[in-house]
Amino acid sequence: MAPALKPDPSREHPVIAWLGILAVAISILLILWARYEVHGTHDLESALAETPAKPSPDADRQPPRKDVDDAVAAGRWAAGFSP
């Protein structure tokens, strides 16, 4: 068989590519429709209606621990990153 008649295996037919995109879009719409039919919109409306609480940056902070700092310093020294 002549090399000119051999199809390029890395190319995809444009119709197949567009069918794939269309299938993904249709599946997303079907999932959204099924969610609406099963659950309705009451939970979404209530979530959008309530005001979110303002997060506090101090809520997640913990006091520094000496044993952790010593372990980090020892690890740096063992790896050769000591100043």
PDB file of N, CA and C in Angstrom:
ATOM      1  N   MET A   1       0.841  -1.163   0.000  1.00  0.00           N
ATOM      2  CA  MET A   1       0.000   0.000   0.000  1.00  0.00           C
ATOM      3  C   MET A   1       0.895   1.239   0.000  1.00  0.00           C
ATOM      4  N   ALA A   2       0.517   2.199  -0.758  1.00  0.00           N
ATOM      5  CA  ALA A   2       1.303   3.423  -0.882  1.00  0.00           C
ATOM      6  C   ALA A   2       1.176   4.267   0.379  1.00  0.00           C
ATOM      7  N   PRO A   3       2.261   4.944   0.791  1.00  0.00           N
ATOM      8  CA  PRO A   3       2.189   5.751   2.007  1.00  0.00           C
ATOM      9  C   PRO A   3       1.211   6.917   1.896  1.00  0.00           C
ATOM     10  N   ALA A   4       0.894   7.354   0.692  1.00  0.00           N
ATOM     11  CA  ALA A   4      -0.031   8.482   0.529  1.00  0.00           C
ATOM     12  C   ALA A   4      -1.464   8.076   0.875  1.00  0.00           C
ATOM     13  N   LEU A   5      -1.793   6.789   0.799  1.00  0.00           N
ATOM     14  CA  LEU A   5      -3.153   6.345   1.078  1.00  0.00           C
ATOM     15  C   LEU A   5      -3.363   5.997   2.553  1.00  0.00           C
ATOM     16  N   LYS A   6      -2.292   5.966   3.312  1.00  0.00           N
ATOM     17  CA  LYS A   6      -2.387   5.594   4.713  1.00  0.00           C
ATOM     18  C   LYS A   6      -2.880   6.807   5.525  1.00  0.00           C
ATOM     19  N   PRO A   7      -3.965   6.668   6.298  1.00  0.00           N
ATOM     20  CA  PRO A   7      -4.463   7.820   7.062  1.00  0.00           C
ATOM     21  C   PRO A   7      -3.559   8.130   8.253  1.00  0.00           C
ATOM     22  N   ASP A   8      -3.563   9.395   8.635  1.00  0.00           N
ATOM     23  CA  ASP A   8      -2.768   9.838   9.776  1.00  0.00           C
ATOM     24  C   ASP A   8      -3.481   9.423  11.061  1.00  0.00           C
ATOM     25  N   PRO A   9      -2.873   8.598  11.921  1.00  0.00           N
ATOM     26  CA  PRO A   9      -3.570   8.101  13.111  1.00  0.00           C
ATOM     27  C   PRO A   9      -3.784   9.158  14.186  1.00  0.00           C
ATOM     28  N   SER A  10      -3.073  10.277  14.138  1.00  0.00           N
ATOM     29  CA  SER A  10      -3.221  11.291  15.176  1.00  0.00           C
ATOM     30  C   SER A  10      -4.359  12.268  14.890  1.00  0.00           C
ATOM     31  N   ARG A  11      -4.892  12.247  13.692  1.00  0.00           N
ATOM     32  CA  ARG A  11      -5.971  13.174  13.349  1.00  0.00           C
ATOM     33  C   ARG A  11      -7.315  12.568  13.683  1.00  0.00           C
ATOM     34  N   GLU A  12      -8.217  13.410  14.123  1.00  0.00           N
ATOM     35  CA  GLU A  12      -9.569  12.981  14.446  1.00  0.00           C
ATOM     36  C   GLU A  12     -10.519  13.677  13.478  1.00  0.00           C
ATOM     37  N   HIS A  13     -11.520  12.968  13.052  1.00  0.00           N
ATOM     38  CA  HIS A  13     -12.477  13.552  12.119  1.00  0.00           C
ATOM     39  C   HIS A  13     -13.249  14.656  12.836  1.00  0.00           C
ATOM     40  N   PRO A  14     -13.455  15.819  12.199  1.00  0.00           N
ATOM     41  CA  PRO A  14     -14.135  16.934  12.859  1.00  0.00           C
ATOM     42  C   PRO A  14     -15.568  16.603  13.280  1.00  0.00           C
ATOM     43  N   VAL A  15     -16.249  15.764  12.539  1.00  0.00           N
ATOM     44  CA  VAL A  15     -17.619  15.404  12.901  1.00  0.00           C
ATOM     45  C   VAL A  15     -17.622  14.630  14.216  1.00  0.00           C
ATOM     46  N   ILE A  16     -16.673  13.740  14.390  1.00  0.00           N
ATOM     47  CA  ILE A  16     -16.567  12.969  15.629  1.00  0.00           C
ATOM     48  C   ILE A  16     -16.243  13.899  16.797  1.00  0.00           C
ATOM     49  N   ALA A  17     -15.383  14.867  16.580  1.00  0.00           N
ATOM     50  CA  ALA A  17     -15.037  15.813  17.639  1.00  0.00           C
ATOM     51  C   ALA A  17     -16.261  16.626  18.068  1.00  0.00           C
ATOM     52  N   TRP A  18     -17.025  17.118  17.101  1.00  0.00           N
ATOM     53  CA  TRP A  18     -18.218  17.904  17.427  1.00  0.00           C
ATOM     54  C   TRP A  18     -19.292  17.032  18.078  1.00  0.00           C
ATOM     55  N   LEU A  19     -19.397  15.786  17.674  1.00  0.00           N
ATOM     56  CA  LEU A  19     -20.351  14.879  18.329  1.00  0.00           C
ATOM     57  C   LEU A  19     -19.969  14.637  19.789  1.00  0.00           C
ATOM     58  N   GLY A  20     -18.698  14.560  20.078  1.00  0.00           N
ATOM     59  CA  GLY A  20     -18.235  14.406  21.454  1.00  0.00           C
ATOM     60  C   GLY A  20     -18.566  15.616  22.302  1.00  0.00           C
ATOM     61  N   ILE A  21     -18.346  16.802  21.753  1.00  0.00           N
ATOM     62  CA  ILE A  21     -18.675  18.044  22.471  1.00  0.00           C
ATOM     63  C   ILE A  21     -20.176  18.132  22.705  1.00  0.00           C
ATOM     64  N   LEU A  22     -20.951  17.786  21.707  1.00  0.00           N
ATOM     65  CA  LEU A  22     -22.412  17.810  21.833  1.00  0.00           C
ATOM     66  C   LEU A  22     -22.891  16.800  22.875  1.00  0.00           C
ATOM     67  N   ALA A  23     -22.281  15.624  22.911  1.00  0.00           N
ATOM     68  CA  ALA A  23     -22.659  14.603  23.895  1.00  0.00           C
ATOM     69  C   ALA A  23     -22.366  15.074  25.314  1.00  0.00           C
ATOM     70  N   VAL A  24     -21.256  15.751  25.526  1.00  0.00           N
ATOM     71  CA  VAL A  24     -20.922  16.269  26.850  1.00  0.00           C
ATOM     72  C   VAL A  24     -21.920  17.351  27.256  1.00  0.00           C
ATOM     73  N   ALA A  25     -22.247  18.258  26.335  1.00  0.00           N
ATOM     74  CA  ALA A  25     -23.195  19.332  26.641  1.00  0.00           C
ATOM     75  C   ALA A  25     -24.578  18.765  26.965  1.00  0.00           C
ATOM     76  N   ILE A  26     -25.023  17.789  26.201  1.00  0.00           N
ATOM     77  CA  ILE A  26     -26.333  17.180  26.455  1.00  0.00           C
ATOM     78  C   ILE A  26     -26.333  16.446  27.800  1.00  0.00           C
ATOM     79  N   SER A  27     -25.250  15.759  28.129  1.00  0.00           N
ATOM     80  CA  SER A  27     -25.207  15.052  29.411  1.00  0.00           C
ATOM     81  C   SER A  27     -25.216  16.027  30.579  1.00  0.00           C
ATOM     82  N   ILE A  28     -24.562  17.176  30.452  1.00  0.00           N
ATOM     83  CA  ILE A  28     -24.607  18.191  31.515  1.00  0.00           C
ATOM     84  C   ILE A  28     -26.028  18.707  31.685  1.00  0.00           C
ATOM     85  N   LEU A  29     -26.700  18.980  30.587  1.00  0.00           N
ATOM     86  CA  LEU A  29     -28.082  19.462  30.671  1.00  0.00           C
ATOM     87  C   LEU A  29     -29.008  18.411  31.280  1.00  0.00           C
ATOM     88  N   LEU A  30     -28.808  17.150  30.942  1.00  0.00           N
ATOM     89  CA  LEU A  30     -29.628  16.086  31.527  1.00  0.00           C
ATOM     90  C   LEU A  30     -29.394  15.947  33.029  1.00  0.00           C
ATOM     91  N   ILE A  31     -28.159  16.080  33.460  1.00  0.00           N
ATOM     92  CA  ILE A  31     -27.860  16.010  34.893  1.00  0.00           C
ATOM     93  C   ILE A  31     -28.512  17.181  35.628  1.00  0.00           C
ATOM     94  N   LEU A  32     -28.441  18.380  35.064  1.00  0.00           N
ATOM     95  CA  LEU A  32     -29.077  19.542  35.691  1.00  0.00           C
ATOM     96  C   LEU A  32     -30.590  19.378  35.741  1.00  0.00           C
ATOM     97  N   TRP A  33     -31.182  18.880  34.682  1.00  0.00           N
ATOM     98  CA  TRP A  33     -32.631  18.670  34.652  1.00  0.00           C
ATOM     99  C   TRP A  33     -33.043  17.633  35.690  1.00  0.00           C
ATOM    100  N   ALA A  34     -32.294  16.542  35.799  1.00  0.00           N
ATOM    101  CA  ALA A  34     -32.621  15.504  36.777  1.00  0.00           C
ATOM    102  C   ALA A  34     -32.488  16.036  38.193  1.00  0.00           C
ATOM    103  N   ARG A  35     -31.508  16.857  38.459  1.00  0.00           N
ATOM    104  CA  ARG A  35     -31.349  17.453  39.777  1.00  0.00           C
ATOM    105  C   ARG A  35     -32.527  18.353  40.103  1.00  0.00           C
ATOM    106  N   TYR A  36     -32.957  19.131  39.135  1.00  0.00           N
ATOM    107  CA  TYR A  36     -34.108  20.012  39.340  1.00  0.00           C
ATOM    108  C   TYR A  36     -35.377  19.197  39.598  1.00  0.00           C
ATOM    109  N   GLU A  37     -35.572  18.121  38.864  1.00  0.00           N
ATOM    110  CA  GLU A  37     -36.765  17.296  39.029  1.00  0.00           C
ATOM    111  C   GLU A  37     -36.775  16.564  40.369  1.00  0.00           C
ATOM    112  N   VAL A  38     -35.633  16.118  40.833  1.00  0.00           N
ATOM    113  CA  VAL A  38     -35.571  15.347  42.069  1.00  0.00           C
ATOM    114  C   VAL A  38     -35.597  16.250  43.300  1.00  0.00           C
ATOM    115  N   HIS A  39     -34.784  17.296  43.298  1.00  0.00           N
ATOM    116  CA  HIS A  39     -34.621  18.111  44.498  1.00  0.00           C
ATOM    117  C   HIS A  39     -35.375  19.428  44.470  1.00  0.00           C
ATOM    118  N   GLY A  40     -35.736  19.920  43.318  1.00  0.00           N
ATOM    119  CA  GLY A  40     -36.368  21.231  43.235  1.00  0.00           C
ATOM    120  C   GLY A  40     -35.345  22.336  43.417  1.00  0.00           C
ATOM    121  N   THR A  41     -35.842  23.536  43.738  1.00  0.00           N
ATOM    122  CA  THR A  41     -34.938  24.675  43.884  1.00  0.00           C
ATOM    123  C   THR A  41     -34.988  25.288  45.273  1.00  0.00           C
ATOM    124  N   HIS A  42     -35.682  24.668  46.221  1.00  0.00           N
ATOM    125  CA  HIS A  42     -35.809  25.267  47.546  1.00  0.00           C
ATOM    126  C   HIS A  42     -34.465  25.367  48.248  1.00  0.00           C
ATOM    127  N   ASP A  43     -33.622  24.341  48.151  1.00  0.00           N
ATOM    128  CA  ASP A  43     -32.329  24.395  48.821  1.00  0.00           C
ATOM    129  C   ASP A  43     -31.403  25.439  48.199  1.00  0.00           C
ATOM    130  N   LEU A  44     -31.498  25.616  46.889  1.00  0.00           N
ATOM    131  CA  LEU A  44     -30.684  26.644  46.235  1.00  0.00           C
ATOM    132  C   LEU A  44     -31.150  28.046  46.616  1.00  0.00           C
ATOM    133  N   GLU A  45     -32.467  28.244  46.666  1.00  0.00           N
ATOM    134  CA  GLU A  45     -32.996  29.555  47.038  1.00  0.00           C
ATOM    135  C   GLU A  45     -32.642  29.904  48.474  1.00  0.00           C
ATOM    136  N   SER A  46     -32.717  28.933  49.369  1.00  0.00           N
ATOM    137  CA  SER A  46     -32.384  29.217  50.761  1.00  0.00           C
ATOM    138  C   SER A  46     -30.891  29.473  50.934  1.00  0.00           C
ATOM    139  N   ALA A  47     -30.062  28.777  50.165  1.00  0.00           N
ATOM    140  CA  ALA A  47     -28.620  29.001  50.259  1.00  0.00           C
ATOM    141  C   ALA A  47     -28.235  30.373  49.730  1.00  0.00           C
ATOM    142  N   LEU A  48     -28.926  30.850  48.708  1.00  0.00           N
ATOM    143  CA  LEU A  48     -28.627  32.169  48.159  1.00  0.00           C
ATOM    144  C   LEU A  48     -29.222  33.286  49.009  1.00  0.00           C
ATOM    145  N   ALA A  49     -30.283  32.999  49.749  1.00  0.00           N
ATOM    146  CA  ALA A  49     -30.956  34.039  50.522  1.00  0.00           C
ATOM    147  C   ALA A  49     -30.222  34.360  51.820  1.00  0.00           C
ATOM    148  N   GLU A  50     -29.587  33.369  52.454  1.00  0.00           N
ATOM    149  CA  GLU A  50     -28.938  33.631  53.740  1.00  0.00           C
ATOM    150  C   GLU A  50     -27.595  34.319  53.527  1.00  0.00           C
ATOM    151  N   THR A  51     -27.232  35.173  54.473  1.00  0.00           N
ATOM    152  CA  THR A  51     -25.961  35.887  54.376  1.00  0.00           C
ATOM    153  C   THR A  51     -24.861  35.005  54.964  1.00  0.00           C
ATOM    154  N   PRO A  52     -23.760  34.886  54.281  1.00  0.00           N
ATOM    155  CA  PRO A  52     -22.682  34.026  54.783  1.00  0.00           C
ATOM    156  C   PRO A  52     -21.978  34.672  55.971  1.00  0.00           C
ATOM    157  N   ALA A  53     -21.499  33.846  56.873  1.00  0.00           N
ATOM    158  CA  ALA A  53     -20.751  34.341  58.021  1.00  0.00           C
ATOM    159  C   ALA A  53     -19.351  34.748  57.574  1.00  0.00           C
ATOM    160  N   LYS A  54     -18.878  35.839  58.136  1.00  0.00           N
ATOM    161  CA  LYS A  54     -17.556  36.327  57.775  1.00  0.00           C
ATOM    162  C   LYS A  54     -16.503  35.484  58.501  1.00  0.00           C
ATOM    163  N   PRO A  55     -15.579  34.876  57.777  1.00  0.00           N
ATOM    164  CA  PRO A  55     -14.580  34.026  58.429  1.00  0.00           C
ATOM    165  C   PRO A  55     -13.572  34.857  59.220  1.00  0.00           C
ATOM    166  N   SER A  56     -13.148  34.310  60.321  1.00  0.00           N
ATOM    167  CA  SER A  56     -12.173  34.978  61.166  1.00  0.00           C
ATOM    168  C   SER A  56     -10.791  34.374  60.908  1.00  0.00           C
ATOM    169  N   PRO A  57      -9.787  35.207  60.656  1.00  0.00           N
ATOM    170  CA  PRO A  57      -8.455  34.644  60.412  1.00  0.00           C
ATOM    171  C   PRO A  57      -7.834  34.050  61.672  1.00  0.00           C
ATOM    172  N   ASP A  58      -8.299  34.463  62.857  1.00  0.00           N
ATOM    173  CA  ASP A  58      -7.733  33.953  64.102  1.00  0.00           C
ATOM    174  C   ASP A  58      -8.314  32.599  64.490  1.00  0.00           C
ATOM    175  N   ALA A  59      -9.397  32.181  63.865  1.00  0.00           N
ATOM    176  CA  ALA A  59     -10.047  30.933  64.243  1.00  0.00           C
ATOM    177  C   ALA A  59      -9.179  29.719  63.933  1.00  0.00           C
ATOM    178  N   ASP A  60      -8.367  29.772  62.899  1.00  0.00           N
ATOM    179  CA  ASP A  60      -7.556  28.623  62.495  1.00  0.00           C
ATOM    180  C   ASP A  60      -6.125  28.683  63.015  1.00  0.00           C
ATOM    181  N   ARG A  61      -5.752  29.765  63.666  1.00  0.00           N
ATOM    182  CA  ARG A  61      -4.371  29.897  64.126  1.00  0.00           C
ATOM    183  C   ARG A  61      -4.135  29.101  65.390  1.00  0.00           C
ATOM    184  N   GLN A  62      -2.958  28.522  65.463  1.00  0.00           N
ATOM    185  CA  GLN A  62      -2.543  27.798  66.651  1.00  0.00           C
ATOM    186  C   GLN A  62      -1.252  28.425  67.155  1.00  0.00           C
ATOM    187  N   PRO A  63      -1.023  28.377  68.449  1.00  0.00           N
ATOM    188  CA  PRO A  63       0.233  28.947  68.953  1.00  0.00           C
ATOM    189  C   PRO A  63       1.420  28.146  68.435  1.00  0.00           C
ATOM    190  N   PRO A  64       2.558  28.797  68.238  1.00  0.00           N
ATOM    191  CA  PRO A  64       3.731  28.076  67.735  1.00  0.00           C
ATOM    192  C   PRO A  64       4.197  27.020  68.740  1.00  0.00           C
ATOM    193  N   ARG A  65       4.660  25.897  68.199  1.00  0.00           N
ATOM    194  CA  ARG A  65       5.121  24.796  69.052  1.00  0.00           C
ATOM    195  C   ARG A  65       6.632  24.651  68.907  1.00  0.00           C
ATOM    196  N   LYS A  66       7.294  24.632  70.039  1.00  0.00           N
ATOM    197  CA  LYS A  66       8.754  24.570  70.068  1.00  0.00           C
ATOM    198  C   LYS A  66       9.273  23.231  69.515  1.00  0.00           C
ATOM    199  N   ASP A  67       8.573  22.131  69.810  1.00  0.00           N
ATOM    200  CA  ASP A  67       9.055  20.830  69.345  1.00  0.00           C
ATOM    201  C   ASP A  67       8.991  20.706  67.820  1.00  0.00           C
ATOM    202  N   VAL A  68       7.982  21.328  67.218  1.00  0.00           N
ATOM    203  CA  VAL A  68       7.879  21.301  65.752  1.00  0.00           C
ATOM    204  C   VAL A  68       8.986  22.147  65.139  1.00  0.00           C
ATOM    205  N   ASP A  69       9.240  23.309  65.716  1.00  0.00           N
ATOM    206  CA  ASP A  69      10.316  24.159  65.207  1.00  0.00           C
ATOM    207  C   ASP A  69      11.674  23.468  65.307  1.00  0.00           C
ATOM    208  N   ASP A  70      11.900  22.758  66.426  1.00  0.00           N
ATOM    209  CA  ASP A  70      13.163  22.037  66.582  1.00  0.00           C
ATOM    210  C   ASP A  70      13.288  20.903  65.566  1.00  0.00           C
ATOM    211  N   ALA A  71      12.197  20.202  65.305  1.00  0.00           N
ATOM    212  CA  ALA A  71      12.234  19.112  64.337  1.00  0.00           C
ATOM    213  C   ALA A  71      12.503  19.637  62.929  1.00  0.00           C
ATOM    214  N   VAL A  72      11.916  20.775  62.581  1.00  0.00           N
ATOM    215  CA  VAL A  72      12.154  21.361  61.260  1.00  0.00           C
ATOM    216  C   VAL A  72      13.600  21.796  61.129  1.00  0.00           C
ATOM    217  N   ALA A  73      14.124  22.418  62.185  1.00  0.00           N
ATOM    218  CA  ALA A  73      15.524  22.857  62.151  1.00  0.00           C
ATOM    219  C   ALA A  73      16.465  21.666  62.049  1.00  0.00           C
ATOM    220  N   ALA A  74      16.171  20.576  62.762  1.00  0.00           N
ATOM    221  CA  ALA A  74      17.017  19.390  62.700  1.00  0.00           C
ATOM    222  C   ALA A  74      16.968  18.762  61.307  1.00  0.00           C
ATOM    223  N   GLY A  75      15.797  18.759  60.696  1.00  0.00           N
ATOM    224  CA  GLY A  75      15.667  18.223  59.344  1.00  0.00           C
ATOM    225  C   GLY A  75      16.428  19.050  58.333  1.00  0.00           C
ATOM    226  N   ARG A  76      16.412  20.352  58.508  1.00  0.00           N
ATOM    227  CA  ARG A  76      17.173  21.215  57.593  1.00  0.00           C
ATOM    228  C   ARG A  76      18.669  20.998  57.755  1.00  0.00           C
ATOM    229  N   TRP A  77      19.110  20.841  58.993  1.00  0.00           N
ATOM    230  CA  TRP A  77      20.524  20.609  59.233  1.00  0.00           C
ATOM    231  C   TRP A  77      20.960  19.280  58.637  1.00  0.00           C
ATOM    232  N   ALA A  78      20.141  18.248  58.789  1.00  0.00           N
ATOM    233  CA  ALA A  78      20.498  16.921  58.273  1.00  0.00           C
ATOM    234  C   ALA A  78      20.535  16.931  56.744  1.00  0.00           C
ATOM    235  N   ALA A  79      19.699  17.755  56.125  1.00  0.00           N
ATOM    236  CA  ALA A  79      19.673  17.801  54.661  1.00  0.00           C
ATOM    237  C   ALA A  79      20.731  18.737  54.085  1.00  0.00           C
ATOM    238  N   GLY A  80      21.403  19.491  54.952  1.00  0.00           N
ATOM    239  CA  GLY A  80      22.439  20.389  54.462  1.00  0.00           C
ATOM    240  C   GLY A  80      21.943  21.771  54.134  1.00  0.00           C
ATOM    241  N   PHE A  81      20.751  22.137  54.605  1.00  0.00           N
ATOM    242  CA  PHE A  81      20.212  23.474  54.320  1.00  0.00           C
ATOM    243  C   PHE A  81      20.439  24.437  55.477  1.00  0.00           C
ATOM    244  N   SER A  82      21.325  24.089  56.374  1.00  0.00           N
ATOM    245  CA  SER A  82      21.602  24.932  57.543  1.00  0.00           C
ATOM    246  C   SER A  82      22.369  26.170  57.107  1.00  0.00           C
ATOM    247  N   PRO A  83      22.041  27.329  57.672  1.00  0.00           N
ATOM    248  CA  PRO A  83      22.794  28.544  57.289  1.00  0.00           C
ATOM    249  C   PRO A  83      24.187  28.581  57.868  1.00  0.00           C
TER     250      PRO A  83
END
